[in-house]
Amino acid sequence: MALKYLLDENVDRVYQTKLLRQYPELVVLMVGEPGNPPKSTPDQEILCWCEVNGFVLVTNNRASMPVHLADHLAQNRHIPGIFILNFDLGIGGNLEELILAALASEDDEYHDRIVYLPLP
């Protein structure tokens, strides 16, 4: 089963558009869309939403996300994973990494982890 992605509100919508254009079977949602966490939702609440709904969070928040994940785990909570985009890869390189992860990863491979793209 492919990973499901929730894109942070600060991630360019082009990621959703291109991922779904190349692989329409993927589930790629964005913060701020109906039914998803609204824009300006605190990161801690987004992590809870991802946990409940089984989504990997895709973000460019390198600074505070490790702290938020540590707090989340300290509350005995879990998350399918967090991917942090790499500006040096550009949009195309980040898209390739997200597609590879979605199609080739085990369901729980990134459980409770932050992964800085590119994949290890």
N, C-alpha and C. Protein backbone atom coordinates (compact mmCIF):
# COMPACT_ATOMS: atom_id res chain seq x y z
N MET A 1 0.84 -1.19 0.00
CA MET A 1 0.00 0.00 0.00
C MET A 1 0.89 1.25 0.00
N ALA A 2 0.56 2.20 -0.83
CA ALA A 2 1.35 3.42 -0.93
C ALA A 2 1.12 4.31 0.28
N LEU A 3 2.15 5.05 0.63
CA LEU A 3 2.02 6.05 1.69
C LEU A 3 1.01 7.11 1.27
N LYS A 4 0.37 7.71 2.24
CA LYS A 4 -0.52 8.85 2.00
C LYS A 4 0.18 10.09 2.55
N TYR A 5 0.11 11.17 1.80
CA TYR A 5 0.81 12.39 2.17
C TYR A 5 -0.15 13.52 2.54
N LEU A 6 0.18 14.23 3.61
CA LEU A 6 -0.43 15.51 3.93
C LEU A 6 0.65 16.56 3.75
N LEU A 7 0.44 17.50 2.84
CA LEU A 7 1.42 18.55 2.59
C LEU A 7 1.11 19.74 3.49
N ASP A 8 2.13 20.18 4.19
CA ASP A 8 2.05 21.35 5.06
C ASP A 8 1.60 22.57 4.24
N GLU A 9 0.97 23.51 4.87
CA GLU A 9 0.47 24.70 4.17
C GLU A 9 1.59 25.52 3.53
N ASN A 10 2.82 25.38 3.98
CA ASN A 10 3.94 26.13 3.41
C ASN A 10 4.62 25.42 2.26
N VAL A 11 4.15 24.21 1.93
CA VAL A 11 4.68 23.47 0.79
C VAL A 11 3.92 23.94 -0.45
N ASP A 12 4.66 24.23 -1.51
CA ASP A 12 4.06 24.72 -2.75
C ASP A 12 3.05 23.70 -3.29
N ARG A 13 1.89 24.18 -3.70
CA ARG A 13 0.83 23.32 -4.23
C ARG A 13 1.29 22.54 -5.47
N VAL A 14 2.34 23.00 -6.13
CA VAL A 14 2.85 22.29 -7.30
C VAL A 14 3.21 20.85 -6.95
N TYR A 15 3.61 20.59 -5.71
CA TYR A 15 3.93 19.22 -5.30
C TYR A 15 2.70 18.33 -5.41
N GLN A 16 1.58 18.80 -4.92
CA GLN A 16 0.35 18.02 -5.00
C GLN A 16 -0.05 17.81 -6.46
N THR A 17 -0.02 18.88 -7.23
CA THR A 17 -0.42 18.81 -8.63
C THR A 17 0.43 17.81 -9.40
N LYS A 18 1.74 17.91 -9.25
CA LYS A 18 2.63 17.03 -10.02
C LYS A 18 2.59 15.59 -9.53
N LEU A 19 2.51 15.38 -8.22
CA LEU A 19 2.41 14.01 -7.72
C LEU A 19 1.16 13.33 -8.26
N LEU A 20 0.04 14.02 -8.21
CA LEU A 20 -1.22 13.42 -8.66
C LEU A 20 -1.28 13.30 -10.17
N ARG A 21 -0.62 14.18 -10.89
CA ARG A 21 -0.58 14.06 -12.34
C ARG A 21 0.21 12.82 -12.75
N GLN A 22 1.33 12.59 -12.08
CA GLN A 22 2.17 11.44 -12.43
C GLN A 22 1.61 10.13 -11.88
N TYR A 23 1.02 10.18 -10.69
CA TYR A 23 0.50 8.97 -10.03
C TYR A 23 -0.86 9.28 -9.42
N PRO A 24 -1.91 9.27 -10.23
CA PRO A 24 -3.24 9.64 -9.73
C PRO A 24 -3.77 8.72 -8.64
N GLU A 25 -3.18 7.55 -8.49
CA GLU A 25 -3.63 6.62 -7.44
C GLU A 25 -3.11 7.02 -6.05
N LEU A 26 -2.15 7.93 -5.99
CA LEU A 26 -1.64 8.39 -4.70
C LEU A 26 -2.69 9.24 -3.98
N VAL A 27 -2.61 9.25 -2.67
CA VAL A 27 -3.44 10.14 -1.87
C VAL A 27 -2.52 11.26 -1.38
N VAL A 28 -2.77 12.47 -1.87
CA VAL A 28 -1.95 13.63 -1.53
C VAL A 28 -2.89 14.78 -1.18
N LEU A 29 -2.97 15.10 0.09
CA LEU A 29 -3.84 16.17 0.57
C LEU A 29 -2.99 17.34 1.04
N MET A 30 -3.65 18.49 1.19
CA MET A 30 -2.96 19.69 1.66
C MET A 30 -3.68 20.28 2.85
N VAL A 31 -2.88 20.78 3.78
CA VAL A 31 -3.45 21.57 4.88
C VAL A 31 -4.19 22.74 4.25
N GLY A 32 -5.40 23.01 4.75
CA GLY A 32 -6.19 24.11 4.23
C GLY A 32 -7.29 23.68 3.28
N GLU A 33 -7.24 22.45 2.79
CA GLU A 33 -8.31 21.95 1.94
C GLU A 33 -9.48 21.48 2.81
N PRO A 34 -10.70 21.52 2.27
CA PRO A 34 -11.85 21.06 3.05
C PRO A 34 -11.65 19.63 3.57
N GLY A 35 -11.98 19.42 4.83
CA GLY A 35 -11.83 18.11 5.45
C GLY A 35 -10.47 17.84 6.06
N ASN A 36 -9.52 18.72 5.79
CA ASN A 36 -8.16 18.59 6.32
C ASN A 36 -7.96 19.68 7.37
N PRO A 37 -6.86 19.61 8.12
CA PRO A 37 -6.62 20.69 9.07
C PRO A 37 -6.60 22.04 8.34
N PRO A 38 -7.23 23.06 8.91
CA PRO A 38 -7.22 24.37 8.27
C PRO A 38 -5.84 25.03 8.35
N LYS A 39 -5.62 26.01 7.48
CA LYS A 39 -4.37 26.77 7.54
C LYS A 39 -4.25 27.40 8.92
N SER A 40 -3.03 27.55 9.37
CA SER A 40 -2.67 28.10 10.68
C SER A 40 -2.94 27.14 11.83
N THR A 41 -3.25 25.87 11.53
CA THR A 41 -3.39 24.87 12.58
C THR A 41 -2.01 24.65 13.21
N PRO A 42 -1.91 24.65 14.54
CA PRO A 42 -0.61 24.39 15.18
C PRO A 42 -0.03 23.04 14.75
N ASP A 43 1.28 23.00 14.64
CA ASP A 43 1.96 21.78 14.19
C ASP A 43 1.60 20.57 15.05
N GLN A 44 1.44 20.76 16.35
CA GLN A 44 1.10 19.64 17.23
C GLN A 44 -0.24 19.02 16.82
N GLU A 45 -1.20 19.85 16.45
CA GLU A 45 -2.51 19.35 16.02
C GLU A 45 -2.42 18.66 14.67
N ILE A 46 -1.55 19.15 13.80
CA ILE A 46 -1.36 18.50 12.50
C ILE A 46 -0.76 17.11 12.71
N LEU A 47 0.19 16.99 13.63
CA LEU A 47 0.77 15.67 13.91
C LEU A 47 -0.31 14.72 14.42
N CYS A 48 -1.19 15.20 15.28
CA CYS A 48 -2.29 14.36 15.78
C CYS A 48 -3.21 13.94 14.64
N TRP A 49 -3.52 14.86 13.73
CA TRP A 49 -4.37 14.54 12.58
C TRP A 49 -3.70 13.46 11.73
N CYS A 50 -2.40 13.61 11.48
CA CYS A 50 -1.67 12.61 10.69
C CYS A 50 -1.71 11.25 11.37
N GLU A 51 -1.55 11.24 12.68
CA GLU A 51 -1.59 9.98 13.43
C GLU A 51 -2.95 9.30 13.27
N VAL A 52 -4.01 10.04 13.50
CA VAL A 52 -5.37 9.48 13.46
C VAL A 52 -5.74 9.01 12.05
N ASN A 53 -5.30 9.76 11.04
CA ASN A 53 -5.71 9.48 9.66
C ASN A 53 -4.69 8.69 8.85
N GLY A 54 -3.52 8.40 9.43
CA GLY A 54 -2.53 7.57 8.76
C GLY A 54 -1.78 8.25 7.62
N PHE A 55 -1.47 9.54 7.78
CA PHE A 55 -0.76 10.29 6.75
C PHE A 55 0.65 10.63 7.18
N VAL A 56 1.58 10.57 6.23
CA VAL A 56 2.93 11.08 6.42
C VAL A 56 2.88 12.58 6.14
N LEU A 57 3.45 13.37 7.03
CA LEU A 57 3.49 14.82 6.85
C LEU A 57 4.69 15.18 5.98
N VAL A 58 4.45 16.00 4.96
CA VAL A 58 5.52 16.54 4.12
C VAL A 58 5.61 18.03 4.43
N THR A 59 6.80 18.47 4.83
CA THR A 59 6.97 19.85 5.28
C THR A 59 8.34 20.38 4.89
N ASN A 60 8.51 21.67 5.02
CA ASN A 60 9.84 22.27 4.87
C ASN A 60 10.28 22.89 6.20
N ASN A 61 9.60 22.52 7.27
CA ASN A 61 9.85 23.05 8.61
C ASN A 61 10.99 22.28 9.28
N ARG A 62 12.20 22.64 8.96
CA ARG A 62 13.38 21.96 9.52
C ARG A 62 13.65 22.36 10.96
N ALA A 63 13.26 23.56 11.34
CA ALA A 63 13.66 24.11 12.64
C ALA A 63 12.86 23.54 13.80
N SER A 64 11.55 23.66 13.75
CA SER A 64 10.76 23.29 14.93
C SER A 64 10.14 21.90 14.86
N MET A 65 10.09 21.28 13.69
CA MET A 65 9.43 19.97 13.60
C MET A 65 10.09 18.91 14.48
N PRO A 66 11.41 18.85 14.60
CA PRO A 66 12.00 17.86 15.52
C PRO A 66 11.51 18.04 16.95
N VAL A 67 11.34 19.27 17.39
CA VAL A 67 10.84 19.54 18.74
C VAL A 67 9.39 19.08 18.86
N HIS A 68 8.58 19.38 17.86
CA HIS A 68 7.17 18.97 17.88
C HIS A 68 7.05 17.45 17.89
N LEU A 69 7.88 16.77 17.11
CA LEU A 69 7.81 15.31 17.10
C LEU A 69 8.22 14.75 18.45
N ALA A 70 9.27 15.28 19.05
CA ALA A 70 9.70 14.81 20.37
C ALA A 70 8.58 14.99 21.40
N ASP A 71 7.90 16.13 21.37
CA ASP A 71 6.78 16.36 22.28
C ASP A 71 5.65 15.38 22.02
N HIS A 72 5.37 15.13 20.75
CA HIS A 72 4.30 14.21 20.34
C HIS A 72 4.60 12.80 20.87
N LEU A 73 5.82 12.34 20.68
CA LEU A 73 6.21 11.00 21.13
C LEU A 73 6.23 10.92 22.65
N ALA A 74 6.60 12.01 23.33
CA ALA A 74 6.63 12.03 24.79
C ALA A 74 5.23 11.87 25.39
N GLN A 75 4.21 12.19 24.61
CA GLN A 75 2.83 12.02 25.05
C GLN A 75 2.30 10.63 24.69
N ASN A 76 3.22 9.72 24.34
CA ASN A 76 2.88 8.35 23.96
C ASN A 76 2.00 8.32 22.71
N ARG A 77 2.24 9.26 21.80
CA ARG A 77 1.53 9.33 20.53
C ARG A 77 2.49 8.83 19.46
N HIS A 78 1.96 8.65 18.27
CA HIS A 78 2.77 8.14 17.16
C HIS A 78 2.41 8.88 15.88
N ILE A 79 3.20 8.65 14.85
CA ILE A 79 2.95 9.26 13.54
C ILE A 79 3.54 8.35 12.47
N PRO A 80 2.88 8.25 11.31
CA PRO A 80 3.42 7.42 10.23
C PRO A 80 4.76 7.91 9.70
N GLY A 81 5.09 9.17 9.94
CA GLY A 81 6.37 9.71 9.49
C GLY A 81 6.28 11.17 9.11
N ILE A 82 7.44 11.78 9.00
CA ILE A 82 7.55 13.17 8.56
C ILE A 82 8.68 13.23 7.54
N PHE A 83 8.40 13.77 6.37
CA PHE A 83 9.43 14.01 5.36
C PHE A 83 9.68 15.51 5.29
N ILE A 84 10.95 15.88 5.38
CA ILE A 84 11.32 17.29 5.27
C ILE A 84 12.00 17.50 3.92
N LEU A 85 11.41 18.39 3.13
CA LEU A 85 11.91 18.67 1.79
C LEU A 85 13.31 19.29 1.85
N ASN A 86 14.07 19.05 0.79
CA ASN A 86 15.43 19.55 0.67
C ASN A 86 15.48 20.56 -0.47
N PHE A 87 15.67 21.83 -0.15
CA PHE A 87 15.67 22.86 -1.18
C PHE A 87 16.77 22.64 -2.21
N ASP A 88 17.88 22.01 -1.82
CA ASP A 88 18.97 21.76 -2.76
C ASP A 88 18.58 20.75 -3.84
N LEU A 89 17.58 19.90 -3.57
CA LEU A 89 17.13 18.93 -4.57
C LEU A 89 16.25 19.57 -5.63
N GLY A 90 15.67 20.71 -5.33
CA GLY A 90 14.71 21.32 -6.23
C GLY A 90 13.39 20.55 -6.20
N ILE A 91 12.40 21.09 -6.87
CA ILE A 91 11.09 20.46 -6.87
C ILE A 91 11.16 19.08 -7.51
N GLY A 92 11.83 18.97 -8.65
CA GLY A 92 11.91 17.69 -9.35
C GLY A 92 12.56 16.60 -8.51
N GLY A 93 13.66 16.92 -7.85
CA GLY A 93 14.34 15.94 -7.01
C GLY A 93 13.52 15.52 -5.81
N ASN A 94 12.87 16.49 -5.17
CA ASN A 94 12.00 16.16 -4.04
C ASN A 94 10.82 15.29 -4.49
N LEU A 95 10.25 15.61 -5.66
CA LEU A 95 9.14 14.80 -6.18
C LEU A 95 9.59 13.36 -6.41
N GLU A 96 10.76 13.18 -7.00
CA GLU A 96 11.28 11.82 -7.23
C GLU A 96 11.40 11.05 -5.92
N GLU A 97 11.89 11.71 -4.88
CA GLU A 97 12.04 11.06 -3.58
C GLU A 97 10.68 10.71 -2.97
N LEU A 98 9.72 11.61 -3.09
CA LEU A 98 8.38 11.35 -2.54
C LEU A 98 7.70 10.20 -3.29
N ILE A 99 7.87 10.15 -4.60
CA ILE A 99 7.29 9.06 -5.39
C ILE A 99 7.94 7.74 -5.01
N LEU A 100 9.26 7.73 -4.92
CA LEU A 100 9.97 6.51 -4.53
C LEU A 100 9.48 6.01 -3.17
N ALA A 101 9.39 6.91 -2.21
CA ALA A 101 8.93 6.52 -0.88
C ALA A 101 7.51 6.00 -0.91
N ALA A 102 6.64 6.68 -1.65
CA ALA A 102 5.23 6.28 -1.68
C ALA A 102 5.05 4.90 -2.30
N LEU A 103 5.81 4.60 -3.33
CA LEU A 103 5.60 3.36 -4.07
C LEU A 103 6.44 2.20 -3.58
N ALA A 104 7.56 2.45 -2.93
CA ALA A 104 8.48 1.36 -2.61
C ALA A 104 8.68 1.11 -1.12
N SER A 105 8.05 1.89 -0.27
CA SER A 105 8.30 1.76 1.17
C SER A 105 7.34 0.78 1.82
N GLU A 106 7.81 0.21 2.92
CA GLU A 106 6.93 -0.59 3.76
C GLU A 106 5.98 0.35 4.49
N ASP A 107 4.82 -0.15 4.88
CA ASP A 107 3.81 0.70 5.51
C ASP A 107 4.32 1.45 6.73
N ASP A 108 5.14 0.81 7.55
CA ASP A 108 5.58 1.45 8.80
C ASP A 108 7.06 1.83 8.78
N GLU A 109 7.63 1.94 7.61
CA GLU A 109 9.07 2.19 7.48
C GLU A 109 9.51 3.51 8.12
N TYR A 110 8.65 4.50 8.12
CA TYR A 110 9.02 5.82 8.63
C TYR A 110 8.30 6.15 9.93
N HIS A 111 7.71 5.16 10.55
CA HIS A 111 6.94 5.31 11.79
C HIS A 111 7.75 6.04 12.85
N ASP A 112 7.17 7.14 13.36
CA ASP A 112 7.77 7.93 14.44
C ASP A 112 9.13 8.52 14.09
N ARG A 113 9.37 8.77 12.80
CA ARG A 113 10.67 9.29 12.37
C ARG A 113 10.51 10.54 11.52
N ILE A 114 11.55 11.36 11.55
CA ILE A 114 11.70 12.44 10.59
C ILE A 114 12.76 11.99 9.59
N VAL A 115 12.44 12.14 8.31
CA VAL A 115 13.38 11.81 7.25
C VAL A 115 13.64 13.08 6.45
N TYR A 116 14.90 13.44 6.37
CA TYR A 116 15.31 14.59 5.58
C TYR A 116 15.64 14.07 4.18
N LEU A 117 14.92 14.56 3.18
CA LEU A 117 15.17 14.10 1.82
C LEU A 117 16.55 14.60 1.37
N PRO A 118 17.28 13.81 0.56
CA PRO A 118 16.89 12.56 -0.07
C PRO A 118 16.84 11.39 0.92
N LEU A 119 16.11 10.36 0.51
CA LEU A 119 15.99 9.17 1.35
C LEU A 119 17.37 8.57 1.60
N PRO A 120 17.54 7.98 2.77
CA PRO A 120 18.84 7.34 3.07
C PRO A 120 19.08 6.11 2.21
